[in-house]
Amino acid sequence: MGKLSFVVFIFCVLISLKEENAETRKGLPTFTLYSFDSNSTAVDLVSSHKPLEYDFYHHTCPQAEKIIRSRVRRLYEIRSDVPPSLLRLVFHDCFIEGCDASVLLDSIDGVDSEKESPPNETLKGFDIIEIIKSDLEEACPGVVSCADILVLAARESVVLAGGPFYPLETGRRDGELSFSELATYELPSPQDNLPSTIASFASRGFDERETVSLLGAHSVGKVHCKFIANRLYNFDGTGEPDPTLDTDFLNHLRSRCNNSHITLGSSPSLSPSSVDDSPSPSSVDDSTFSTSSIREAEVEMDSEERGSNFGTLYYRNLLQARGILYVDQQLTAGEETETWVRAYASDTSLFRKDFALAMRKLSNLGVLTAPMGQVRISCSKVA
């Protein structure tokens, strides 16, 4: 009888614990995302709103991802700079208050938008997103958010550039605010030293390994000579070139960037693709896309082996003191960051895996989900 009582007691305890755990689970958030305080420190923001999902538009717009993929590929056939333009655009969006398509908004009522901030003055690709949005509005009006379009189009750009495919959940909503001041002061610069770069990315939740892998996107695109002129001719005001540059590579860059023909301007922000070479047609018809435009002197980020070895060549060049941007070369100035530079230079599969994970993490920063935010009809205007 005593044994039976003991068994009944244990059974009751187990039932009680199960019910308590169930109640606890009911109170847990369904999704965790990153937000940022006024000092740009990454903090966990608990949200009970609807989580992102794989194939979120399965019922409401089943062809959404196919439409995005098809349009990006068609535009790429017309203009090869589509990948770096979209890569840079998604970075600039997600780095400031998360992936809410706020970078796409126009200024209104005298209030500057993010796209008007100095680091974003050279951003391109807005027209590409509007073209895709027009396609989706025709197929599924008012359904697919600009925030989802941007991250999915950027993923397709990575694939077209020779990078890895990475899975993305969808269901993002568009923000209703733009953050010009934050974009002005919080986007990292290509002139930053290593500690500044590490701190900037850490404020968004990226460790040194992830930072090094993300910057591998500098494998594609072009950089205007005015943004590296100081490294070539007047580093730190010394009147001499950056001593960390390989001599032969310095001469190569100087041959492309003649000091007498460089127009100095504001520095671009640091993004996974510091490119500024895309015309911006006013129409959303891809037939108007043209490769003709007046261009300043510029340098290919992958000038030695265009279109191949996404990432690998970039890291190998850094080990040979052939980094084009100062911030890139600085990755070899720290013990841990140099370790990852060497790892990625020798192991392409490791880089592709890490880059895919980092891009997925970037694409999930600070997202808005229902009932927050909205789905814009035009990506440049609040609905």
Protein backbone atom coordinates (compact mmCIF):
# COMPACT_ATOMS: atom_id res chain seq x y z
CA MET A 1 0.00 0.00 0.00
CA GLY A 2 2.89 2.34 0.87
CA LYS A 3 4.51 1.66 -2.54
CA LEU A 4 1.22 2.42 -4.30
CA SER A 5 0.87 5.73 -2.47
CA PHE A 6 4.42 6.68 -3.40
CA VAL A 7 3.76 5.90 -7.10
CA VAL A 8 0.58 7.99 -7.05
CA PHE A 9 2.52 10.87 -5.44
CA ILE A 10 5.23 10.79 -8.11
CA PHE A 11 2.59 10.66 -10.85
CA CYS A 12 0.85 13.75 -9.46
CA VAL A 13 4.15 15.64 -9.29
CA LEU A 14 4.92 14.84 -12.93
CA ILE A 15 1.48 16.05 -14.03
CA SER A 16 1.95 19.26 -12.07
CA LEU A 17 5.37 19.91 -13.65
CA LYS A 18 4.01 19.25 -17.13
CA GLU A 19 1.19 21.74 -16.63
CA GLU A 20 3.60 24.33 -15.26
CA ASN A 21 5.92 23.94 -18.26
CA ALA A 22 2.95 24.26 -20.61
CA GLU A 23 1.91 27.49 -18.96
CA THR A 24 5.48 28.76 -19.19
CA ARG A 25 5.65 27.96 -22.89
CA LYS A 26 2.44 29.88 -23.46
CA GLY A 27 4.15 32.98 -22.15
CA LEU A 28 7.27 32.63 -24.25
CA PRO A 29 7.77 34.91 -27.28
CA THR A 30 7.33 33.36 -30.68
CA PHE A 31 10.23 35.22 -32.24
CA THR A 32 13.38 36.99 -31.09
CA LEU A 33 14.97 39.73 -33.14
CA TYR A 34 17.53 42.48 -32.72
CA SER A 35 16.87 46.13 -32.13
CA PHE A 36 19.26 48.88 -31.20
CA ASP A 37 19.39 51.40 -28.41
CA SER A 38 20.50 55.01 -28.79
CA ASN A 39 24.13 53.94 -28.49
CA SER A 40 23.78 51.37 -31.28
CA THR A 41 24.26 48.44 -28.91
CA ALA A 42 22.56 45.24 -29.98
CA VAL A 43 19.89 44.20 -27.50
CA ASP A 44 17.37 41.38 -27.58
CA LEU A 45 13.88 42.59 -28.31
CA VAL A 46 11.20 40.12 -27.29
CA SER A 47 8.27 40.04 -29.64
CA SER A 48 5.08 38.04 -29.53
CA HIS A 49 4.18 39.05 -33.06
CA LYS A 50 3.86 36.65 -35.94
CA PRO A 51 7.19 34.98 -36.77
CA LEU A 52 8.83 34.83 -40.16
CA GLU A 53 8.06 31.68 -42.11
CA TYR A 54 9.48 29.71 -44.98
CA ASP A 55 7.33 30.20 -48.09
CA PHE A 56 5.25 32.80 -46.27
CA TYR A 57 3.44 33.75 -49.50
CA HIS A 58 2.48 30.18 -50.38
CA HIS A 59 -1.24 30.95 -50.35
CA THR A 60 -1.36 34.70 -50.98
CA CYS A 61 1.23 34.99 -53.76
CA PRO A 62 2.70 31.56 -54.60
CA GLN A 63 4.82 32.89 -57.47
CA ALA A 64 6.40 35.71 -55.44
CA GLU A 65 9.93 34.33 -55.12
CA LYS A 66 9.92 33.08 -58.71
CA ILE A 67 8.89 36.54 -59.94
CA ILE A 68 11.69 38.18 -57.95
CA ARG A 69 14.28 35.69 -59.15
CA SER A 70 13.21 35.98 -62.78
CA ARG A 71 13.22 39.78 -62.80
CA VAL A 72 16.63 40.08 -61.11
CA ARG A 73 18.11 37.67 -63.65
CA ARG A 74 16.58 39.57 -66.58
CA LEU A 75 17.95 42.86 -65.31
CA TYR A 76 21.36 41.27 -64.74
CA GLU A 77 21.48 40.30 -68.42
CA ILE A 78 21.10 43.98 -69.26
CA ARG A 79 23.35 45.41 -66.57
CA SER A 80 26.04 43.41 -64.80
CA ASP A 81 26.26 45.79 -61.85
CA VAL A 82 22.89 44.65 -60.48
CA PRO A 83 24.45 42.29 -57.86
CA PRO A 84 26.74 44.82 -56.14
CA SER A 85 24.02 47.47 -56.25
CA LEU A 86 21.50 45.25 -54.47
CA LEU A 87 24.05 43.87 -52.03
CA ARG A 88 24.98 47.35 -50.94
CA LEU A 89 21.33 48.41 -50.75
CA VAL A 90 20.30 45.55 -48.45
CA PHE A 91 23.25 46.19 -46.16
CA HIS A 92 22.41 49.87 -45.83
CA ASP A 93 18.80 49.02 -45.07
CA CYS A 94 19.35 46.28 -42.51
CA PHE A 95 22.22 48.01 -40.70
CA ILE A 96 20.00 50.96 -39.76
CA GLU A 97 17.06 49.94 -37.54
CA GLY A 98 16.76 46.56 -39.20
CA CYS A 99 15.44 45.17 -42.49
CA ASP A 100 12.31 47.30 -42.83
CA ALA A 101 12.88 48.82 -46.29
CA SER A 102 13.31 52.25 -44.67
CA VAL A 103 16.25 53.01 -46.97
CA LEU A 104 13.84 52.96 -49.92
CA LEU A 105 11.63 55.79 -48.67
CA ASP A 106 11.73 59.23 -50.28
CA SER A 107 11.95 62.41 -48.24
CA ILE A 108 8.57 63.93 -47.38
CA ASP A 109 7.37 67.22 -45.91
CA GLY A 110 10.89 68.51 -45.53
CA VAL A 111 12.02 65.48 -43.52
CA ASP A 112 15.13 63.87 -44.98
CA SER A 113 15.08 60.18 -45.74
CA GLU A 114 17.90 57.69 -45.25
CA LYS A 115 18.65 57.77 -48.96
CA GLU A 116 19.44 61.50 -48.63
CA SER A 117 22.08 60.97 -45.90
CA PRO A 118 25.72 61.47 -46.99
CA PRO A 119 26.74 57.78 -46.80
CA ASN A 120 23.77 56.84 -48.98
CA GLU A 121 24.12 59.48 -51.68
CA THR A 122 25.80 56.98 -54.00
CA LEU A 123 23.35 54.11 -53.40
CA LYS A 124 21.86 52.57 -56.52
CA GLY A 125 19.28 49.88 -57.12
CA PHE A 126 16.15 51.73 -56.00
CA ASP A 127 14.77 51.45 -59.52
CA ILE A 128 15.44 47.72 -59.54
CA ILE A 129 13.31 47.22 -56.44
CA GLU A 130 10.51 49.35 -57.90
CA ILE A 131 10.53 47.26 -61.08
CA ILE A 132 10.17 44.07 -59.03
CA LYS A 133 7.49 45.65 -56.87
CA SER A 134 5.54 46.63 -59.99
CA ASP A 135 5.65 43.02 -61.18
CA LEU A 136 4.39 41.75 -57.83
CA GLU A 137 1.65 44.36 -57.56
CA GLU A 138 0.37 43.20 -60.92
CA ALA A 139 0.39 39.56 -59.83
CA CYS A 140 -0.64 39.95 -56.16
CA PRO A 141 -1.71 43.50 -55.25
CA GLY A 142 -0.82 44.67 -51.76
CA VAL A 143 0.67 41.37 -50.62
CA VAL A 144 4.48 41.24 -50.84
CA SER A 145 6.43 43.73 -48.71
CA CYS A 146 9.31 45.80 -50.00
CA ALA A 147 11.43 44.49 -47.12
CA ASP A 148 10.98 40.92 -48.36
CA ILE A 149 11.62 41.97 -51.95
CA LEU A 150 14.91 43.58 -50.96
CA VAL A 151 16.35 40.62 -49.04
CA LEU A 152 15.21 38.10 -51.65
CA ALA A 153 16.56 40.17 -54.55
CA ALA A 154 19.87 40.55 -52.72
CA ARG A 155 20.07 36.78 -52.24
CA GLU A 156 19.56 36.27 -55.96
CA SER A 157 22.31 38.82 -56.59
CA VAL A 158 24.71 36.83 -54.43
CA VAL A 159 24.00 33.72 -56.49
CA LEU A 160 24.47 35.61 -59.77
CA ALA A 161 27.80 36.94 -58.49
CA GLY A 162 29.01 33.39 -57.90
CA GLY A 163 28.21 33.28 -54.20
CA PRO A 164 26.15 30.75 -52.22
CA PHE A 165 22.40 30.36 -52.03
CA TYR A 166 21.00 30.69 -48.50
CA PRO A 167 17.49 29.96 -47.22
CA LEU A 168 15.37 32.92 -46.12
CA GLU A 169 12.15 33.07 -44.17
CA THR A 170 9.66 35.72 -45.26
CA GLY A 171 6.81 37.71 -43.80
CA ARG A 172 8.67 40.97 -43.16
CA ARG A 173 6.64 44.15 -43.06
CA ASP A 174 7.67 47.62 -44.20
CA GLY A 175 8.51 50.35 -41.73
CA GLU A 176 6.79 53.72 -41.76
CA LEU A 177 9.79 55.82 -40.72
CA SER A 178 13.16 56.67 -42.24
CA PHE A 179 16.25 57.33 -40.14
CA SER A 180 18.45 59.85 -41.92
CA GLU A 181 20.48 60.91 -38.88
CA LEU A 182 21.20 57.32 -37.82
CA ALA A 183 22.32 56.51 -41.36
CA THR A 184 24.61 59.53 -41.35
CA TYR A 185 26.42 58.61 -38.16
CA GLU A 186 26.06 54.86 -37.72
CA LEU A 187 26.91 53.35 -41.10
CA PRO A 188 30.55 52.23 -40.94
CA SER A 189 33.14 53.85 -43.20
CA PRO A 190 35.67 52.30 -45.62
CA GLN A 191 38.25 54.53 -43.92
CA ASP A 192 37.69 52.92 -40.49
CA ASN A 193 40.48 51.12 -38.71
CA LEU A 194 39.97 47.59 -37.44
CA PRO A 195 38.75 48.42 -33.89
CA SER A 196 36.13 50.79 -35.29
CA THR A 197 34.92 48.22 -37.80
CA ILE A 198 34.70 45.46 -35.20
CA ALA A 199 32.81 47.74 -32.80
CA SER A 200 30.40 48.86 -35.51
CA PHE A 201 29.50 45.33 -36.57
CA ALA A 202 29.40 44.11 -32.97
CA SER A 203 26.74 46.74 -32.26
CA ARG A 204 24.55 44.83 -34.71
CA GLY A 205 25.31 41.45 -33.20
CA PHE A 206 28.11 40.28 -35.52
CA ASP A 207 31.30 38.76 -34.12
CA GLU A 208 34.72 39.05 -35.78
CA ARG A 209 34.29 35.88 -37.81
CA GLU A 210 30.97 37.09 -39.21
CA THR A 211 32.39 40.53 -39.91
CA VAL A 212 35.27 39.09 -41.91
CA SER A 213 32.93 36.83 -43.88
CA LEU A 214 30.46 39.64 -44.66
CA LEU A 215 33.19 41.86 -46.04
CA GLY A 216 33.94 39.09 -48.52
CA ALA A 217 31.14 40.64 -50.59
CA HIS A 218 33.76 43.20 -51.63
CA SER A 219 34.63 40.56 -54.21
CA VAL A 220 32.22 42.30 -56.57
CA GLY A 221 31.53 45.83 -57.68
CA LYS A 222 33.65 48.88 -58.35
CA VAL A 223 35.00 51.70 -56.25
CA HIS A 224 35.55 55.25 -57.47
CA CYS A 225 39.15 56.40 -57.34
CA LYS A 226 38.20 59.38 -55.18
CA PHE A 227 37.45 56.97 -52.35
CA ILE A 228 40.96 55.48 -52.31
CA ALA A 229 42.92 58.56 -53.42
CA ASN A 230 44.28 59.22 -49.94
CA ARG A 231 45.71 55.71 -49.74
CA LEU A 232 47.49 56.20 -53.02
CA TYR A 233 48.85 59.72 -52.64
CA ASN A 234 48.38 61.24 -49.19
CA PHE A 235 47.81 58.63 -46.53
CA ASP A 236 47.06 60.18 -43.14
CA GLY A 237 48.20 63.55 -44.47
CA THR A 238 51.79 62.35 -44.92
CA GLY A 239 52.01 63.11 -48.63
CA GLU A 240 52.98 59.46 -49.10
CA PRO A 241 51.00 56.33 -50.01
CA ASP A 242 49.67 53.86 -47.46
CA PRO A 243 52.74 51.83 -46.42
CA THR A 244 50.62 48.67 -46.07
CA LEU A 245 50.00 48.56 -49.83
CA ASP A 246 52.05 46.16 -51.93
CA THR A 247 54.31 48.29 -54.15
CA ASP A 248 53.34 46.64 -57.44
CA PHE A 249 49.68 46.88 -56.55
CA LEU A 250 50.11 50.53 -55.59
CA ASN A 251 51.52 51.24 -59.04
CA HIS A 252 48.64 49.34 -60.64
CA LEU A 253 46.06 51.38 -58.71
CA ARG A 254 47.85 54.63 -59.53
CA SER A 255 47.75 53.74 -63.20
CA ARG A 256 43.96 53.50 -62.91
CA CYS A 257 43.61 56.47 -60.57
CA ASN A 258 45.72 59.35 -61.80
CA ASN A 259 45.96 61.95 -59.03
CA SER A 260 45.33 64.84 -61.43
CA HIS A 261 41.99 63.40 -62.56
CA ILE A 262 40.48 62.49 -59.20
CA THR A 263 37.58 64.54 -57.92
CA LEU A 264 37.47 64.22 -54.17
CA GLY A 265 34.07 63.84 -52.53
CA SER A 266 32.38 62.58 -49.41
CA SER A 267 33.32 59.10 -48.32
CA PRO A 268 30.88 56.29 -49.01
CA SER A 269 29.78 54.05 -46.21
CA LEU A 270 31.29 50.66 -45.74
CA SER A 271 28.98 47.97 -47.03
CA PRO A 272 29.39 44.47 -48.41
CA SER A 273 29.70 46.05 -51.84
CA SER A 274 31.00 49.60 -52.09
CA VAL A 275 29.89 50.27 -55.63
CA ASP A 276 28.78 53.50 -57.27
CA ASP A 277 28.38 52.93 -60.95
CA SER A 278 24.72 52.39 -61.75
CA PRO A 279 22.53 54.63 -63.89
CA SER A 280 19.05 55.18 -62.48
CA PRO A 281 16.36 55.31 -65.16
CA SER A 282 13.12 56.91 -64.08
CA SER A 283 10.91 54.28 -65.67
CA VAL A 284 10.25 50.91 -64.05
CA ASP A 285 10.43 49.23 -67.44
CA ASP A 286 13.63 47.19 -67.65
CA SER A 287 13.79 47.87 -71.39
CA THR A 288 14.98 51.39 -70.52
CA PHE A 289 18.03 50.10 -68.65
CA SER A 290 21.19 51.43 -70.22
CA THR A 291 24.83 50.84 -69.48
CA SER A 292 25.80 54.23 -70.85
CA SER A 293 26.69 56.94 -68.33
CA ILE A 294 29.46 59.35 -67.62
CA ARG A 295 31.79 57.58 -65.23
CA GLU A 296 34.62 58.80 -63.11
CA ALA A 297 37.80 56.74 -62.86
CA GLU A 298 37.16 53.56 -60.91
CA VAL A 299 38.69 50.23 -59.99
CA GLU A 300 37.15 46.78 -60.16
CA MET A 301 37.03 45.12 -56.76
CA ASP A 302 37.83 41.85 -58.51
CA SER A 303 40.06 43.39 -61.17
CA GLU A 304 42.45 40.46 -61.47
CA GLU A 305 39.92 37.68 -62.00
CA ARG A 306 36.54 39.16 -62.76
CA GLY A 307 33.48 37.07 -62.07
CA SER A 308 35.15 34.04 -60.49
CA ASN A 309 36.19 32.78 -57.07
CA PHE A 310 33.65 34.82 -55.16
CA GLY A 311 35.35 35.67 -51.89
CA THR A 312 38.46 33.53 -52.22
CA LEU A 313 40.49 35.94 -54.33
CA TYR A 314 39.49 38.83 -52.07
CA TYR A 315 41.06 37.14 -49.03
CA ARG A 316 44.13 36.01 -50.95
CA ASN A 317 44.70 39.59 -52.06
CA LEU A 318 44.54 40.79 -48.47
CA LEU A 319 47.28 38.35 -47.50
CA GLN A 320 49.41 39.88 -50.27
CA ALA A 321 48.75 43.46 -49.07
CA ARG A 322 46.51 44.04 -52.10
CA GLY A 323 43.33 45.16 -50.41
CA ILE A 324 41.78 48.06 -52.33
CA LEU A 325 39.91 49.65 -49.43
CA TYR A 326 41.74 50.53 -46.22
CA VAL A 327 39.11 48.81 -44.09
CA ASP A 328 39.63 45.59 -46.06
CA GLN A 329 43.37 45.55 -45.58
CA GLN A 330 42.85 46.25 -41.88
CA LEU A 331 41.35 42.76 -41.52
CA THR A 332 44.93 41.45 -41.49
CA ALA A 333 45.88 43.79 -38.63
CA GLY A 334 44.16 41.76 -35.89
CA GLU A 335 45.05 38.28 -34.72
CA GLU A 336 41.53 36.82 -34.89
CA THR A 337 40.45 38.60 -38.05
CA GLU A 338 43.65 37.60 -39.84
CA THR A 339 43.03 34.00 -38.79
CA TRP A 340 39.70 34.08 -40.61
CA VAL A 341 41.19 35.84 -43.62
CA ARG A 342 43.69 32.99 -43.93
CA ALA A 343 41.00 30.38 -43.41
CA TYR A 344 38.75 31.79 -46.14
CA ALA A 345 41.67 32.29 -48.51
CA SER A 346 42.44 28.58 -48.36
CA ASP A 347 39.00 27.04 -47.87
CA THR A 348 36.33 28.23 -50.30
CA SER A 349 33.64 25.94 -48.91
CA LEU A 350 34.17 27.32 -45.39
CA PHE A 351 33.82 30.87 -46.64
CA ARG A 352 30.66 30.09 -48.61
CA LYS A 353 29.08 28.45 -45.57
CA ASP A 354 30.00 31.31 -43.24
CA PHE A 355 29.01 33.98 -45.74
CA ALA A 356 25.61 32.36 -46.24
CA LEU A 357 25.02 32.25 -42.49
CA ALA A 358 26.11 35.87 -42.05
CA MET A 359 23.88 37.09 -44.89
CA ARG A 360 20.96 35.20 -43.45
CA LYS A 361 21.59 36.81 -40.07
CA LEU A 362 21.88 40.24 -41.68
CA SER A 363 18.58 39.69 -43.49
CA ASN A 364 16.83 38.94 -40.19
CA LEU A 365 18.01 41.97 -38.24
CA GLY A 366 15.25 43.97 -36.56
CA VAL A 367 12.47 42.77 -38.81
CA LEU A 368 8.89 43.93 -38.44
CA THR A 369 6.13 41.33 -38.63
CA ALA A 370 2.34 41.54 -38.46
CA PRO A 371 0.62 43.39 -36.94
CA MET A 372 3.54 45.85 -36.95
CA GLY A 373 4.48 47.81 -40.05
CA GLN A 374 2.67 47.74 -43.36
CA VAL A 375 2.91 46.51 -46.95
CA ARG A 376 3.68 49.48 -49.19
CA ILE A 377 2.16 49.79 -52.64
CA SER A 378 5.18 51.81 -53.79
CA CYS A 379 8.46 51.09 -52.04
CA SER A 380 9.40 54.76 -51.96
CA LYS A 381 6.25 55.92 -50.16
CA VAL A 382 4.43 54.99 -46.96
CA ALA A 383 1.12 53.38 -47.77
